[in-house]
Amino acid sequence: MSPTALVLRYAGFAGLATLANLAAQRLVLAGIPGQPGFVLAVICGTGAGLVLKYLLDKRWIFFDQSGGIPTHARKFALYTAMGIVTTLIFWAAETAAWVIWQTHAMREAGAVAGLTVGYVVKYRLDRRYVFGRAGRTV
């Protein structure tokens, strides 16, 4: 795959995961308003985006064909661990936007900015530590 195709595919998947994240957040916030809803929304949204992004990245970015529950569990655990730092970037940007403006539009803008920076960092970590040589197309 060409570097341009890889970047476009990765960006598209990041976009899909972002939409899944924000949709999950909206669902939670629709049922639980205020600060408790916000905290739960961030956690649920992060989980939804994480699972979708892992599945897409594993198959279509890193072309990882490995199988079996132990292998998937190990890789998903590593993928999740690599996401801890990048999730902190995302949460900090989203929370800062919420605290400053206290509107859902700006909260989502902060989330998108944080996720964008986080995904760039995450690709590099996943390529090196989670999927190893299988992901080295660039």
Foldseek 3Di string as FASTA:
>chain_A
DDPVVLVVQLVVLLVVLLVQLVVQLVVQCVVPPDDVSNVVSNVRSVVSSLVSSVVCCCCPQLNPPDDDDVLVVVLSVQLVVLLPVLSVQLVVQLVVQCVVPVDVVSSSVSNVVSSVVSSVSSVVSCCPPRRDPSRPPD
